[in-house]
Amino acid sequence: MLELYGRGFQRSGARWEGELGMTVGVFLTPERVRRLAPELPEFDLKTMHEVFDPKLQWLMQELADEALRGAPGGALYAQGLSCALIGRLGEHYGAPVGAAPAGQLRKNSRQRVLDLIETNLATDLSVETLAREAGLSPHHFAKCFRASMGCTPHRYVLQRRLDRARILLRDTAMPIAEIAVTLGFAGQSHFTQAFREAFGVTPATARKS
């Protein structure tokens, strides 16, 4: 269950009756919304109680889980989730906005972004960095990138890192821990988990085969 509180909402207290659980709070300042989604200048959240929205719930839970894990996905994943969260709130729970529908990235812009990714796989890329290369806001860029590539920026970068990792495992004797750091993973365990989820085997097994 979600509680949405708009600008200026105040309460003197609250009481929860039921089983113990975890409460996750996300505070979106107008400055943050304008920075990530400037094409939504009239975005203003409505106060709503007992909201049930599976997609919104997943975004909130994933942000919380990512924070509790120490943000292994880096700024790119966190900002991608934030852009999706802002878009969902603005479209379904905010004041009417006149954002233009997202199209695909222009060919030259897309190539610049892909080249930037390829040369910076080891760095903690962010949606803002990639959006600047395309000349778009982070929110608009994330939608255009997905329309162009069929996946989120985070998913694309993760796949490119894993593809590069397979080559390094096959063609070099570089230690697995070094490969993880070289390709921008939070650590060897994060790399191993992502590799297994993508290919069904661990990096060590892949190297032996």
Protein backbone atom coordinates (compact mmCIF):
# COMPACT_ATOMS: atom_id res chain seq x y z
CA MET A 1 0.00 0.00 0.00
CA LEU A 2 1.25 3.46 -0.91
CA GLU A 3 0.58 6.87 0.58
CA LEU A 4 1.14 9.86 -1.71
CA TYR A 5 1.60 13.26 -0.10
CA GLY A 6 1.53 16.40 -2.21
CA ARG A 7 3.20 19.76 -1.69
CA GLY A 8 2.46 21.28 1.71
CA PHE A 9 0.95 18.13 3.24
CA GLN A 10 1.10 18.15 7.04
CA ARG A 11 0.07 15.74 9.76
CA SER A 12 0.45 15.81 13.52
CA GLY A 13 0.96 12.07 13.98
CA ALA A 14 0.34 8.60 12.63
CA ARG A 15 -0.46 5.16 13.99
CA TRP A 16 0.01 1.76 12.40
CA GLU A 17 -2.01 -1.23 13.54
CA GLY A 18 -0.98 -4.65 12.30
CA GLU A 19 2.14 -6.72 11.81
CA LEU A 20 5.58 -5.17 11.95
CA GLY A 21 6.91 -4.16 8.57
CA MET A 22 9.15 -1.72 6.74
CA THR A 23 8.18 1.75 5.60
CA VAL A 24 10.00 3.29 2.64
CA GLY A 25 9.86 7.04 2.11
CA VAL A 26 10.88 8.88 -1.07
CA PHE A 27 11.04 12.67 -0.96
CA LEU A 28 10.99 14.37 -4.37
CA THR A 29 11.92 18.04 -4.25
CA PRO A 30 10.76 20.35 -7.05
CA GLU A 31 14.43 20.94 -7.85
CA ARG A 32 15.07 17.21 -8.33
CA VAL A 33 12.00 16.81 -10.54
CA ARG A 34 13.02 19.80 -12.68
CA ARG A 35 16.56 18.44 -13.00
CA LEU A 36 15.54 14.96 -14.11
CA ALA A 37 12.35 15.88 -16.00
CA PRO A 38 12.31 19.57 -16.98
CA GLU A 39 9.66 18.85 -19.62
CA LEU A 40 7.21 18.30 -16.74
CA PRO A 41 7.23 21.84 -15.27
CA GLU A 42 3.73 21.56 -13.83
CA PHE A 43 4.34 18.26 -12.07
CA ASP A 44 2.67 18.42 -8.68
CA LEU A 45 1.75 15.30 -6.74
CA LYS A 46 -1.80 14.88 -5.47
CA THR A 47 -2.32 13.66 -1.91
CA MET A 48 -3.85 10.19 -2.07
CA HIS A 49 -4.25 7.49 0.57
CA GLU A 50 -4.15 3.68 0.27
CA VAL A 51 -2.94 3.59 -3.32
CA PHE A 52 -2.39 0.17 -4.90
CA ASP A 53 -0.23 0.38 -8.02
CA PRO A 54 1.99 -2.66 -8.78
CA LYS A 55 4.33 -0.75 -11.09
CA LEU A 56 4.76 2.12 -8.64
CA GLN A 57 5.23 -0.38 -5.82
CA TRP A 58 7.97 -2.18 -7.78
CA LEU A 59 9.84 1.06 -8.49
CA MET A 60 9.70 2.09 -4.83
CA GLN A 61 10.77 -1.34 -3.61
CA GLU A 62 13.60 -1.55 -6.13
CA LEU A 63 14.90 1.87 -5.06
CA ALA A 64 14.81 0.75 -1.43
CA ASP A 65 16.50 -2.58 -2.18
CA GLU A 66 19.16 -0.86 -4.26
CA ALA A 67 19.94 1.51 -1.38
CA LEU A 68 20.06 -1.34 1.16
CA ARG A 69 22.43 -3.28 -1.12
CA GLY A 70 24.82 -0.33 -1.21
CA ALA A 71 23.79 0.81 -4.71
CA PRO A 72 25.72 -1.82 -6.73
CA GLY A 73 23.97 -0.68 -9.92
CA GLY A 74 25.50 2.78 -9.58
CA ALA A 75 24.07 6.17 -10.53
CA LEU A 76 22.81 4.94 -13.91
CA TYR A 77 20.41 2.44 -12.34
CA ALA A 78 19.29 4.71 -9.49
CA GLN A 79 18.62 7.66 -11.78
CA GLY A 80 16.86 5.40 -14.28
CA LEU A 81 14.52 4.21 -11.52
CA SER A 82 14.00 7.81 -10.39
CA CYS A 83 13.09 8.94 -13.91
CA ALA A 84 10.62 6.08 -14.24
CA LEU A 85 9.15 6.90 -10.82
CA ILE A 86 8.73 10.59 -11.67
CA GLY A 87 7.15 9.72 -15.01
CA ARG A 88 4.69 7.31 -13.37
CA LEU A 89 3.73 9.79 -10.68
CA GLY A 90 3.39 12.68 -13.13
CA GLU A 91 1.28 10.68 -15.59
CA HIS A 92 -1.09 9.04 -13.11
CA TYR A 93 -1.01 11.05 -9.88
CA GLY A 94 0.14 14.55 -10.76
CA ALA A 95 -1.26 17.72 -12.24
CA PRO A 96 -1.96 17.51 -16.00
CA VAL A 97 1.21 18.08 -18.01
CA GLY A 98 1.89 18.63 -21.68
CA ALA A 99 4.94 16.48 -22.19
CA ALA A 100 5.54 15.47 -25.77
CA PRO A 101 5.46 11.74 -26.45
CA ALA A 102 8.85 10.10 -26.58
CA GLY A 103 10.21 9.12 -29.95
CA GLN A 104 13.47 7.44 -30.79
CA LEU A 105 16.91 8.97 -30.49
CA ARG A 106 18.20 10.53 -33.68
CA LYS A 107 20.79 8.37 -35.42
CA ASN A 108 23.76 10.65 -34.71
CA SER A 109 22.69 11.21 -31.09
CA ARG A 110 22.24 7.48 -30.54
CA GLN A 111 25.69 6.73 -31.95
CA ARG A 112 27.32 9.37 -29.74
CA VAL A 113 25.65 7.87 -26.66
CA LEU A 114 26.65 4.31 -27.60
CA ASP A 115 30.24 5.41 -28.26
CA LEU A 116 30.32 7.17 -24.89
CA ILE A 117 29.12 3.99 -23.19
CA GLU A 118 31.71 1.80 -24.95
CA THR A 119 34.60 4.01 -23.89
CA ASN A 120 33.38 4.42 -20.30
CA LEU A 121 32.23 0.94 -19.26
CA ALA A 122 34.49 1.09 -16.20
CA THR A 123 33.02 4.35 -14.90
CA ASP A 124 29.85 4.97 -12.89
CA LEU A 125 27.79 6.33 -15.78
CA SER A 126 24.63 8.25 -14.99
CA VAL A 127 21.44 8.98 -16.92
CA GLU A 128 22.32 12.69 -16.70
CA THR A 129 25.70 12.11 -18.38
CA LEU A 130 24.19 10.12 -21.24
CA ALA A 131 21.30 12.58 -21.61
CA ARG A 132 23.72 15.51 -21.97
CA GLU A 133 25.45 13.69 -24.81
CA ALA A 134 22.08 13.39 -26.59
CA GLY A 135 21.03 16.96 -25.74
CA LEU A 136 17.93 15.80 -23.85
CA SER A 137 16.61 15.89 -20.30
CA PRO A 138 17.25 12.70 -18.27
CA HIS A 139 13.53 11.81 -18.22
CA HIS A 140 13.04 12.32 -21.96
CA PHE A 141 16.33 10.59 -22.78
CA ALA A 142 15.41 7.49 -20.76
CA LYS A 143 12.15 7.14 -22.70
CA CYS A 144 13.79 7.76 -26.08
CA PHE A 145 16.62 5.35 -25.32
CA ARG A 146 14.19 2.58 -24.48
CA ALA A 147 12.19 3.29 -27.64
CA SER A 148 15.40 3.12 -29.69
CA MET A 149 17.20 0.19 -28.04
CA GLY A 150 14.36 -1.85 -26.55
CA CYS A 151 15.76 -1.69 -23.02
CA THR A 152 16.69 0.81 -20.32
CA PRO A 153 20.10 2.53 -20.31
CA HIS A 154 21.10 0.53 -17.22
CA ARG A 155 20.16 -2.79 -18.83
CA TYR A 156 22.07 -1.90 -22.02
CA VAL A 157 25.22 -0.88 -20.14
CA LEU A 158 25.05 -3.99 -17.96
CA GLN A 159 24.78 -6.21 -21.04
CA ARG A 160 27.72 -4.49 -22.73
CA ARG A 161 29.82 -4.97 -19.57
CA LEU A 162 28.89 -8.65 -19.45
CA ASP A 163 29.65 -9.13 -23.16
CA ARG A 164 33.07 -7.53 -22.64
CA ALA A 165 33.61 -9.74 -19.59
CA ARG A 166 33.05 -12.90 -21.65
CA ILE A 167 35.77 -11.79 -24.06
CA LEU A 168 38.22 -11.04 -21.22
CA LEU A 169 37.49 -14.40 -19.58
CA ARG A 170 38.10 -16.20 -22.86
CA ASP A 171 41.08 -14.29 -24.22
CA THR A 172 43.04 -13.18 -21.14
CA ALA A 173 44.30 -14.52 -17.83
CA MET A 174 43.09 -11.42 -15.98
CA PRO A 175 41.81 -12.34 -12.49
CA ILE A 176 38.04 -12.34 -12.15
CA ALA A 177 38.15 -9.70 -9.41
CA GLU A 178 40.17 -7.42 -11.70
CA ILE A 179 37.72 -7.95 -14.57
CA ALA A 180 34.88 -6.92 -12.25
CA VAL A 181 36.61 -3.67 -11.29
CA THR A 182 37.79 -2.98 -14.85
CA LEU A 183 34.22 -3.18 -16.15
CA GLY A 184 32.63 -1.01 -13.49
CA PHE A 185 30.97 -3.62 -11.26
CA ALA A 186 30.62 -2.88 -7.56
CA GLY A 187 32.76 -5.95 -6.76
CA GLN A 188 33.40 -9.56 -7.64
CA SER A 189 30.20 -10.81 -5.97
CA HIS A 190 28.08 -8.29 -7.88
CA PHE A 191 29.81 -9.28 -11.12
CA THR A 192 29.35 -13.00 -10.43
CA GLN A 193 25.66 -12.57 -9.64
CA ALA A 194 25.00 -10.52 -12.78
CA PHE A 195 27.01 -12.93 -14.95
CA ARG A 196 25.15 -15.97 -13.61
CA GLU A 197 21.76 -14.31 -14.12
CA ALA A 198 22.67 -13.45 -17.73
CA PHE A 199 24.43 -16.63 -18.84
CA GLY A 200 23.44 -19.33 -16.35
CA VAL A 201 27.01 -20.01 -15.18
CA THR A 202 29.57 -18.25 -12.99
CA PRO A 203 32.55 -16.40 -14.53
CA ALA A 204 34.88 -19.12 -13.20
CA THR A 205 32.87 -21.86 -14.90
CA ALA A 206 32.68 -19.86 -18.13
CA ARG A 207 36.47 -19.47 -18.13
CA LYS A 208 37.03 -23.21 -17.70
CA SER A 209 34.72 -24.04 -20.57
